[in-house]
Amino acid sequence: MRSVFGLSAGVGLFLYASIALALASSPGPASSGAGSGGATIQSSAIITMQNWQNYRQFMPDGMAALFEGKYFWKMPADVSMEVGPTIIHPLPPSYLAATEKYSGQNKLIELPTGGLTIQGYQGGIPFPNPEDPHKGWKILANLWYRYIPHLAVVSYGTGCLVDEYGTVNCQAAEIVERQLAFNTDPSVPATIPGSEGKLFTEYLMVVEPEQKRYTASLNITYTDLARPEDQFAFIPALRRYQAIASAARCSPSQGTDATAEEFRSGFDSNLTELKVDFVGERKILALLDLKTPGGKFPEGYDMPLGWPTPSWGKWQLREVYVISVSKLPSLAAGYCYGKRVIYLDRQFFAPLWEDAYDSKMQPWKFISYFLATCKVPGSGLVNSCGDDIEAYWDIQHRHSTFFTDPADGHPMYTNDDAPHEYLDLQRYTTAPGLNLIMR
């Protein structure tokens, strides 16, 4: 137990259990018209094209649209989704202790722009029982500060693009994600020395194909929510890094269907510039405790959609918050999306599904997050660790992207399990460190 929390072992164990129980077992009634209330699905039920409408109330809007066949991307005729029990991996005790200690001091501050920021945050869930006013924004803050390991390394992850003709192009990358402030993992300083002011860094370097090898990027977010995120790129031909203009945040990342706004495993935007509406509470089907399909993409995927096959695991019925996120009206011009509807798990606050709309509020992308489970040293089994498969279906332009982090047969490291080389803060968390890539 970390001494910073100032708790006796007995008190600590009691509050860990209390918070975990509250988060895991207080679903609450559905608040939206499509809510599922007290309804449930029998474990071992199998959802197919023949019976899917019986389970529609448990599907995000985008998933239901894929079943309906309304767009170019649609469910394959042989789709089969077996439902299993809902499995709750309790949040790490040290993260729950930080929630107990600090959540009462968090305050929302209204900005002159009409946006919001948070004051007093030190760690844990900022708003464990989000309520009005600004309930939607508080839920989004819980997503932003959700538990993630201090260090997550994907030694070899793949991103595969599929066009409307079924052509597949894949590339592979090394990814290093690091939380630098508000850490709660045992043996990790709350703030990493030498990185004061930084919250999170995401380093990505292409390793395949050879012609793109060493192309890299670094994203830096800050503890000051109002401070714009910094983005840098390393260009092998120039052998140096350069800053990326903020206007490029809506550009496709490495030619994929993701943008910088979807980094950090689903959401990476400036919270002070957002309008967040609370839509409701629901139960939805999600695929957690993932078993990564073997072989190279598209082996193990139900094509042409790229939907999970039964070998990936059983679907779970999860309690989620549904929020609608858009830019403040004064900042909306030129932004990527008109709105994003995010379905985030009520127990650990990570996105499970997103429906993204264009500036005319027409459906544009359906995004699903199929989550694996990591065993984090000192923190136990966690769902939100960067080990996942992310699927993007662009229904307007008829292409899709699948990220598998890590790819089958390649390791995923967290915290103390990571090889020593990844502890180099200069290389993996600073812009000048990008210049070390080809040396």
Protein backbone atom coordinates (compact mmCIF):
# COMPACT_ATOMS: atom_id res chain seq x y z
CA MET A 1 0.00 0.00 0.00
CA ARG A 2 1.36 3.47 -0.84
CA SER A 3 2.00 5.64 2.19
CA VAL A 4 0.78 8.72 0.33
CA PHE A 5 -2.82 7.70 1.02
CA GLY A 6 -2.30 7.80 4.77
CA LEU A 7 -4.63 4.85 5.40
CA SER A 8 -4.42 1.99 7.81
CA ALA A 9 -4.68 -1.45 6.24
CA GLY A 10 -8.09 -2.12 7.80
CA VAL A 11 -9.66 1.18 6.74
CA GLY A 12 -8.12 0.85 3.28
CA LEU A 13 -9.54 -2.61 2.67
CA PHE A 14 -12.98 -1.49 3.83
CA LEU A 15 -13.17 1.52 1.53
CA TYR A 16 -11.74 -0.43 -1.44
CA ALA A 17 -14.54 -2.95 -1.07
CA SER A 18 -17.16 -0.24 -0.57
CA ILE A 19 -16.24 1.75 -3.67
CA ALA A 20 -15.80 -1.33 -5.84
CA LEU A 21 -19.20 -2.65 -4.78
CA ALA A 22 -20.88 0.68 -5.48
CA LEU A 23 -19.34 0.97 -8.94
CA ALA A 24 -19.99 -2.62 -9.92
CA SER A 25 -23.48 -3.19 -8.58
CA SER A 26 -25.46 0.04 -8.87
CA PRO A 27 -26.71 0.01 -12.45
CA GLY A 28 -29.61 2.42 -11.98
CA PRO A 29 -32.63 2.66 -14.29
CA ALA A 30 -32.33 3.36 -18.00
CA SER A 31 -32.78 7.01 -18.79
CA SER A 32 -33.12 7.02 -22.59
CA GLY A 33 -36.02 5.91 -24.73
CA ALA A 34 -33.98 2.99 -25.97
CA GLY A 35 -32.92 2.01 -22.48
CA SER A 36 -33.06 -1.60 -21.33
CA GLY A 37 -34.21 -1.04 -17.74
CA GLY A 38 -34.17 -4.27 -15.76
CA ALA A 39 -34.13 -6.48 -18.88
CA THR A 40 -31.31 -8.91 -19.39
CA ILE A 41 -30.03 -11.61 -21.72
CA GLN A 42 -29.75 -15.25 -20.79
CA SER A 43 -26.15 -16.42 -20.63
CA SER A 44 -25.34 -18.76 -23.54
CA ALA A 45 -27.79 -16.96 -25.86
CA ILE A 46 -26.47 -16.78 -29.42
CA ILE A 47 -27.31 -13.74 -31.53
CA THR A 48 -27.60 -14.23 -35.29
CA MET A 49 -29.08 -12.49 -38.31
CA GLN A 50 -32.26 -14.48 -37.73
CA ASN A 51 -32.92 -13.32 -34.15
CA TRP A 52 -30.93 -10.10 -33.68
CA GLN A 53 -34.02 -7.91 -33.39
CA ASN A 54 -34.88 -9.70 -30.13
CA TYR A 55 -31.71 -8.14 -28.70
CA ARG A 56 -31.78 -4.76 -30.41
CA GLN A 57 -32.42 -2.90 -27.15
CA PHE A 58 -28.96 -4.03 -26.00
CA MET A 59 -27.12 -2.64 -29.02
CA PRO A 60 -25.53 0.77 -29.61
CA ASP A 61 -27.22 2.57 -32.50
CA GLY A 62 -24.30 1.88 -34.84
CA MET A 63 -24.31 -1.84 -34.11
CA ALA A 64 -28.05 -2.03 -34.78
CA ALA A 65 -27.51 -0.17 -38.08
CA LEU A 66 -24.92 -2.78 -39.13
CA PHE A 67 -27.48 -5.51 -38.44
CA GLU A 68 -30.16 -3.60 -40.35
CA GLY A 69 -27.92 -3.45 -43.43
CA LYS A 70 -28.61 0.26 -43.92
CA TYR A 71 -25.13 1.09 -45.22
CA PHE A 72 -22.32 -0.34 -47.31
CA TRP A 73 -20.81 -1.95 -44.21
CA LYS A 74 -23.22 -4.54 -42.81
CA MET A 75 -23.22 -7.65 -40.69
CA PRO A 76 -22.10 -10.84 -42.45
CA ALA A 77 -24.84 -13.40 -42.96
CA ASP A 78 -23.11 -15.92 -40.68
CA VAL A 79 -22.64 -13.57 -37.72
CA SER A 80 -22.71 -15.41 -34.40
CA MET A 81 -22.40 -13.68 -31.01
CA GLU A 82 -22.52 -15.91 -27.94
CA VAL A 83 -23.42 -14.12 -24.73
CA GLY A 84 -21.58 -15.05 -21.56
CA PRO A 85 -21.64 -13.82 -17.97
CA THR A 86 -20.70 -10.25 -17.12
CA ILE A 87 -17.24 -10.34 -15.56
CA ILE A 88 -16.21 -7.52 -13.23
CA HIS A 89 -12.50 -6.97 -12.61
CA PRO A 90 -12.38 -4.60 -9.61
CA LEU A 91 -10.48 -1.39 -10.11
CA PRO A 92 -7.02 -1.36 -8.47
CA PRO A 93 -7.17 -0.75 -4.69
CA SER A 94 -4.74 2.17 -4.88
CA TYR A 95 -6.87 3.89 -7.54
CA LEU A 96 -9.99 3.44 -5.40
CA ALA A 97 -8.09 4.78 -2.40
CA ALA A 98 -7.24 7.92 -4.37
CA THR A 99 -10.92 8.22 -5.28
CA GLU A 100 -11.92 8.08 -1.62
CA LYS A 101 -9.26 10.56 -0.58
CA TYR A 102 -9.53 13.17 -3.32
CA SER A 103 -12.92 13.04 -5.07
CA GLY A 104 -14.58 15.31 -2.53
CA GLN A 105 -12.24 18.18 -3.33
CA ASN A 106 -12.86 18.24 -7.10
CA LYS A 107 -14.73 21.29 -8.33
CA LEU A 108 -16.00 22.35 -11.74
CA ILE A 109 -15.00 25.81 -12.88
CA GLU A 110 -16.99 27.61 -15.56
CA LEU A 111 -14.77 29.38 -18.07
CA PRO A 112 -15.52 32.65 -19.91
CA THR A 113 -15.72 30.63 -23.15
CA GLY A 114 -18.69 28.69 -21.84
CA GLY A 115 -16.53 25.62 -21.29
CA LEU A 116 -15.63 23.83 -18.07
CA THR A 117 -12.49 22.72 -16.29
CA ILE A 118 -11.76 20.85 -13.08
CA GLN A 119 -10.01 22.19 -10.01
CA GLY A 120 -8.41 20.12 -7.25
CA TYR A 121 -7.94 16.81 -9.07
CA GLN A 122 -5.18 14.63 -7.57
CA GLY A 123 -6.05 11.09 -8.67
CA GLY A 124 -8.72 8.38 -8.86
CA ILE A 125 -12.24 8.83 -10.23
CA PRO A 126 -13.00 12.57 -10.10
CA PHE A 127 -16.79 12.15 -9.87
CA PRO A 128 -17.67 8.63 -8.64
CA ASN A 129 -21.38 9.53 -8.50
CA PRO A 130 -21.86 12.05 -11.33
CA GLU A 131 -24.97 14.18 -10.98
CA ASP A 132 -26.36 17.42 -12.39
CA PRO A 133 -25.40 20.11 -12.94
CA HIS A 134 -23.09 19.19 -15.85
CA LYS A 135 -23.57 15.45 -15.37
CA GLY A 136 -22.43 14.65 -18.91
CA TRP A 137 -19.19 16.62 -18.53
CA LYS A 138 -18.47 14.92 -15.19
CA ILE A 139 -18.87 11.52 -16.84
CA LEU A 140 -16.47 12.58 -19.59
CA ALA A 141 -13.98 13.68 -16.93
CA ASN A 142 -14.24 10.19 -15.42
CA LEU A 143 -13.36 8.80 -18.85
CA TRP A 144 -10.40 11.18 -19.16
CA TYR A 145 -9.00 10.21 -15.77
CA ARG A 146 -9.98 6.53 -15.90
CA TYR A 147 -7.53 4.01 -14.53
CA ILE A 148 -4.76 3.06 -16.94
CA PRO A 149 -1.35 1.59 -16.12
CA HIS A 150 1.47 4.08 -15.63
CA LEU A 151 3.32 2.47 -18.56
CA ALA A 152 1.90 0.39 -21.42
CA VAL A 153 4.08 -0.90 -24.25
CA VAL A 154 2.81 -2.54 -27.42
CA SER A 155 5.93 -4.01 -28.95
CA TYR A 156 4.24 -4.77 -32.27
CA GLY A 157 0.73 -3.57 -33.07
CA THR A 158 -0.91 -3.59 -36.48
CA GLY A 159 -3.24 -1.23 -38.31
CA CYS A 160 -5.01 -2.69 -41.34
CA LEU A 161 -7.05 -0.69 -43.85
CA VAL A 162 -9.80 -2.21 -45.97
CA ASP A 163 -11.40 -0.43 -48.94
CA GLU A 164 -14.76 -1.08 -50.59
CA TYR A 165 -13.17 -3.61 -52.96
CA GLY A 166 -11.76 -5.67 -50.11
CA THR A 167 -8.15 -4.59 -50.67
CA VAL A 168 -6.14 -4.86 -47.45
CA ASN A 169 -3.10 -2.76 -46.53
CA CYS A 170 -1.41 -3.24 -43.18
CA GLN A 171 1.37 -1.57 -41.28
CA ALA A 172 2.90 -2.28 -37.89
CA ALA A 173 4.10 0.01 -35.13
CA GLU A 174 5.71 0.12 -31.71
CA ILE A 175 3.57 2.07 -29.22
CA VAL A 176 4.62 3.42 -25.83
CA GLU A 177 2.01 5.10 -23.63
CA ARG A 178 2.91 6.68 -20.31
CA GLN A 179 0.92 8.48 -17.62
CA LEU A 180 3.16 11.08 -16.03
CA ALA A 181 0.89 12.66 -13.42
CA PHE A 182 -1.83 11.52 -10.99
CA ASN A 183 -0.41 8.00 -10.95
CA THR A 184 -1.86 5.63 -8.36
CA ASP A 185 -0.01 2.41 -9.20
CA PRO A 186 2.04 1.06 -6.26
CA SER A 187 5.75 1.98 -6.39
CA VAL A 188 5.11 4.64 -9.05
CA PRO A 189 5.48 8.33 -8.06
CA ALA A 190 2.27 10.31 -8.38
CA THR A 191 4.21 12.71 -10.64
CA ILE A 192 7.17 11.37 -12.57
CA PRO A 193 10.24 13.52 -11.74
CA GLY A 194 11.28 15.73 -14.62
CA SER A 195 7.90 15.60 -16.35
CA GLU A 196 6.01 18.17 -14.27
CA GLY A 197 3.09 19.67 -16.17
CA LYS A 198 2.65 16.67 -18.48
CA LEU A 199 -0.23 14.25 -18.03
CA PHE A 200 0.18 11.63 -20.74
CA THR A 201 2.41 10.83 -23.70
CA GLU A 202 1.80 8.49 -26.62
CA TYR A 203 4.78 7.52 -28.77
CA LEU A 204 4.28 5.58 -32.00
CA MET A 205 6.94 4.45 -34.46
CA VAL A 206 6.22 2.54 -37.67
CA VAL A 207 8.26 -0.67 -38.02
CA GLU A 208 6.63 -2.10 -41.17
CA PRO A 209 6.48 -1.70 -44.16
CA GLU A 210 10.14 -0.92 -44.71
CA GLN A 211 9.44 2.20 -46.80
CA LYS A 212 7.65 3.78 -43.82
CA ARG A 213 9.98 2.44 -41.15
CA TYR A 214 11.02 4.96 -38.48
CA THR A 215 8.18 7.36 -39.25
CA ALA A 216 7.07 8.34 -35.76
CA SER A 217 4.80 10.61 -33.76
CA LEU A 218 4.59 11.86 -30.19
CA ASN A 219 1.48 13.30 -28.55
CA ILE A 220 1.74 15.15 -25.24
CA THR A 221 -1.25 16.09 -23.10
CA TYR A 222 -0.94 18.32 -20.05
CA THR A 223 -2.33 18.47 -16.54
CA ASP A 224 -3.79 21.89 -17.37
CA LEU A 225 -6.91 20.84 -19.27
CA ALA A 226 -7.02 24.16 -21.14
CA ARG A 227 -3.52 23.74 -22.57
CA PRO A 228 -3.62 22.46 -26.17
CA GLU A 229 -2.09 19.07 -26.82
CA ASP A 230 1.29 19.08 -28.54
CA GLN A 231 1.94 16.80 -31.51
CA PHE A 232 5.26 16.07 -33.13
CA ALA A 233 6.31 13.92 -36.07
CA PHE A 234 9.66 12.41 -36.98
CA ILE A 235 10.31 12.38 -40.73
CA PRO A 236 13.00 9.82 -41.65
CA ALA A 237 13.96 11.64 -44.86
CA LEU A 238 14.67 14.81 -42.86
CA ARG A 239 16.16 12.94 -39.86
CA ARG A 240 14.51 15.38 -37.48
CA TYR A 241 11.22 16.03 -35.82
CA GLN A 242 8.78 18.84 -36.48
CA ALA A 243 5.67 20.14 -34.77
CA ILE A 244 2.28 19.26 -36.23
CA ALA A 245 -0.20 22.11 -36.62
CA SER A 246 -3.24 21.89 -34.38
CA ALA A 247 -5.47 22.12 -37.46
CA ALA A 248 -4.19 18.67 -38.48
CA ARG A 249 -5.93 16.95 -35.55
CA CYS A 250 -8.81 16.03 -37.84
CA SER A 251 -6.52 14.52 -40.48
CA PRO A 252 -6.35 10.72 -40.81
CA SER A 253 -3.60 9.28 -38.62
CA GLN A 254 -1.07 7.40 -40.80
CA GLY A 255 -3.75 7.15 -43.51
CA THR A 256 -6.19 5.26 -41.28
CA ASP A 257 -9.79 6.07 -40.32
CA ALA A 258 -8.66 7.30 -36.91
CA THR A 259 -7.72 10.87 -36.10
CA ALA A 260 -5.75 12.34 -33.20
CA GLU A 261 -9.12 12.86 -31.50
CA GLU A 262 -9.38 9.08 -31.00
CA PHE A 263 -5.95 8.59 -29.41
CA ARG A 264 -5.71 7.38 -25.80
CA SER A 265 -7.80 4.32 -26.69
CA GLY A 266 -10.84 6.16 -27.93
CA PHE A 267 -10.92 9.76 -26.77
CA ASP A 268 -8.30 12.51 -26.87
CA SER A 269 -9.85 15.97 -27.04
CA ASN A 270 -9.64 19.23 -25.12
CA LEU A 271 -12.27 18.94 -22.40
CA THR A 272 -12.48 22.71 -21.89
CA GLU A 273 -13.74 23.15 -25.47
CA LEU A 274 -16.57 20.63 -25.33
CA LYS A 275 -20.29 20.58 -24.81
CA VAL A 276 -21.35 17.28 -23.25
CA ASP A 277 -24.95 16.11 -23.01
CA PHE A 278 -25.98 13.21 -20.83
CA VAL A 279 -28.10 10.88 -22.98
CA GLY A 280 -28.85 8.12 -20.52
CA GLU A 281 -27.87 4.82 -18.91
CA ARG A 282 -28.17 1.56 -20.78
CA LYS A 283 -27.09 -2.03 -20.97
CA ILE A 284 -25.22 -2.90 -24.15
CA LEU A 285 -23.45 -5.90 -25.58
CA ALA A 286 -19.67 -5.58 -25.56
CA LEU A 287 -16.74 -7.92 -26.11
CA LEU A 288 -14.33 -7.90 -23.18
CA ASP A 289 -11.67 -10.34 -21.96
CA LEU A 290 -10.74 -10.64 -25.61
CA LYS A 291 -8.75 -13.52 -27.12
CA THR A 292 -6.79 -12.02 -30.01
CA PRO A 293 -7.44 -13.91 -33.26
CA GLY A 294 -4.47 -15.90 -34.51
CA GLY A 295 -2.69 -15.32 -37.80
CA LYS A 296 -2.42 -12.18 -39.89
CA PHE A 297 -5.39 -9.96 -40.66
CA PRO A 298 -7.99 -10.84 -41.93
CA GLU A 299 -7.55 -14.36 -40.56
CA GLY A 300 -9.91 -14.86 -37.63
CA TYR A 301 -12.19 -11.96 -38.65
CA ASP A 302 -15.70 -12.37 -40.07
CA MET A 303 -15.27 -10.62 -43.39
CA PRO A 304 -16.02 -8.44 -45.27
CA LEU A 305 -17.16 -6.43 -42.24
CA GLY A 306 -14.27 -7.57 -40.04
CA TRP A 307 -16.60 -8.54 -37.17
CA PRO A 308 -15.41 -10.72 -34.29
CA THR A 309 -15.82 -14.47 -34.70
CA PRO A 310 -16.82 -16.72 -31.77
CA SER A 311 -13.12 -17.54 -31.22
CA TRP A 312 -12.60 -14.03 -29.80
CA GLY A 313 -14.68 -14.82 -26.73
CA LYS A 314 -18.16 -14.31 -25.33
CA TRP A 315 -20.07 -11.04 -25.34
CA GLN A 316 -21.01 -9.42 -22.06
CA LEU A 317 -23.96 -7.26 -21.09
CA ARG A 318 -22.41 -4.09 -19.66
CA GLU A 319 -23.89 -1.12 -17.85
CA VAL A 320 -22.90 2.04 -19.71
CA TYR A 321 -23.28 5.78 -19.60
CA VAL A 322 -24.22 7.32 -22.94
CA ILE A 323 -23.02 10.87 -23.59
CA SER A 324 -23.10 13.12 -26.65
CA VAL A 325 -19.91 15.14 -27.12
CA SER A 326 -19.53 18.12 -29.45
CA LYS A 327 -17.48 21.30 -29.68
CA LEU A 328 -18.79 24.45 -28.08
CA PRO A 329 -20.77 26.30 -30.77
CA SER A 330 -18.14 29.05 -31.01
CA LEU A 331 -15.45 26.43 -31.80
CA ALA A 332 -17.41 24.04 -33.98
CA ALA A 333 -16.43 25.43 -37.39
CA GLY A 334 -13.91 23.18 -39.09
CA TYR A 335 -13.94 20.49 -36.41
CA CYS A 336 -13.89 16.83 -37.40
CA TYR A 337 -17.26 15.85 -36.01
CA GLY A 338 -20.68 17.34 -35.47
CA LYS A 339 -20.96 15.10 -32.43
CA ARG A 340 -19.73 11.83 -31.01
CA VAL A 341 -22.04 9.57 -29.04
CA ILE A 342 -19.89 7.62 -26.61
CA TYR A 343 -20.94 4.49 -24.74
CA LEU A 344 -18.59 4.12 -21.77
CA ASP A 345 -18.52 1.36 -19.20
CA ARG A 346 -19.95 2.45 -15.85
CA GLN A 347 -17.51 0.32 -13.87
CA PHE A 348 -14.16 1.38 -15.37
CA PHE A 349 -15.17 4.37 -17.58
CA ALA A 350 -13.50 3.35 -20.85
CA PRO A 351 -15.29 3.68 -24.22
CA LEU A 352 -16.87 0.48 -25.55
CA TRP A 353 -18.49 1.98 -28.66
CA GLU A 354 -18.78 5.36 -30.43
CA ASP A 355 -21.08 6.69 -33.14
CA ALA A 356 -19.48 9.66 -34.89
CA TYR A 357 -21.49 12.18 -36.94
CA ASP A 358 -20.31 14.70 -39.53
CA SER A 359 -20.92 18.45 -39.38
CA LYS A 360 -24.39 17.93 -40.92
CA MET A 361 -25.20 15.43 -38.16
CA GLN A 362 -25.23 12.49 -40.56
CA PRO A 363 -23.79 9.16 -39.36
CA TRP A 364 -20.16 8.92 -40.45
CA LYS A 365 -18.18 6.34 -38.45
CA PHE A 366 -19.03 3.47 -36.16
CA ILE A 367 -16.18 2.64 -33.78
CA SER A 368 -15.98 -0.42 -31.55
CA TYR A 369 -13.47 -1.20 -28.82
CA PHE A 370 -12.97 -4.90 -28.12
CA LEU A 371 -10.97 -5.05 -24.89
CA ALA A 372 -8.49 -7.61 -23.66
CA THR A 373 -7.45 -7.91 -20.02
CA CYS A 374 -4.00 -7.07 -18.64
CA LYS A 375 -2.41 -8.25 -15.43
CA VAL A 376 -0.73 -5.08 -14.18
CA PRO A 377 2.02 -5.60 -11.58
CA GLY A 378 0.73 -4.49 -8.19
CA SER A 379 -2.73 -3.62 -9.53
CA GLY A 380 -4.20 -6.91 -10.73
CA LEU A 381 -6.42 -7.63 -13.72
CA VAL A 382 -7.72 -4.54 -15.52
CA ASN A 383 -9.83 -3.98 -18.63
CA SER A 384 -8.53 -0.58 -19.69
CA CYS A 385 -4.84 -1.10 -20.39
CA GLY A 386 -4.28 -0.47 -24.11
CA ASP A 387 -4.55 -4.15 -25.08
CA ASP A 388 -7.44 -4.19 -27.51
CA ILE A 389 -8.77 -4.37 -31.04
CA GLU A 390 -10.28 -1.14 -32.34
CA ALA A 391 -12.55 -1.26 -35.38
CA TYR A 392 -13.49 1.82 -37.43
CA TRP A 393 -16.18 1.58 -40.08
CA ASP A 394 -16.49 4.69 -42.28
CA ILE A 395 -19.97 4.24 -43.72
CA GLN A 396 -19.77 7.34 -45.92
CA HIS A 397 -16.50 6.59 -47.71
CA ARG A 398 -16.75 2.80 -47.64
CA HIS A 399 -13.51 1.93 -45.94
CA SER A 400 -12.54 0.61 -42.54
CA THR A 401 -9.54 0.25 -40.23
CA PHE A 402 -8.64 -2.37 -37.63
CA PHE A 403 -5.99 -1.82 -34.97
CA THR A 404 -4.74 -4.89 -33.12
CA ASP A 405 -2.58 -3.92 -30.13
CA PRO A 406 -0.60 -6.10 -29.76
CA ALA A 407 -0.76 -8.39 -32.78
CA ASP A 408 -1.04 -12.12 -32.20
CA GLY A 409 2.17 -13.62 -30.85
CA HIS A 410 3.66 -10.33 -29.69
CA PRO A 411 3.94 -9.18 -26.07
CA MET A 412 2.16 -6.41 -24.24
CA TYR A 413 4.06 -4.91 -21.30
CA THR A 414 2.79 -2.84 -18.39
CA ASN A 415 4.69 -1.05 -15.63
CA ASP A 416 7.50 -3.11 -14.08
CA ASP A 417 7.11 -5.85 -16.69
CA ALA A 418 8.36 -3.52 -19.44
CA PRO A 419 11.96 -3.98 -20.66
CA HIS A 420 14.39 -1.44 -19.21
CA GLU A 421 14.83 0.39 -22.53
CA TYR A 422 11.28 1.74 -22.31
CA LEU A 423 12.07 3.60 -19.10
CA ASP A 424 14.01 6.21 -21.10
CA LEU A 425 11.90 9.34 -20.54
CA GLN A 426 13.86 11.52 -22.93
CA ARG A 427 13.41 9.14 -25.83
CA TYR A 428 9.76 8.31 -25.37
CA THR A 429 8.23 11.43 -23.77
CA THR A 430 10.06 14.43 -25.31
CA ALA A 431 10.11 15.88 -28.80
CA PRO A 432 13.96 15.94 -29.00
CA GLY A 433 13.86 12.24 -28.17
CA LEU A 434 12.36 11.60 -31.59
CA ASN A 435 15.69 12.63 -33.12
CA LEU A 436 17.30 9.61 -31.46
CA ILE A 437 15.30 7.16 -33.57
CA MET A 438 17.81 6.55 -36.36
CA ARG A 439 20.97 6.91 -34.26
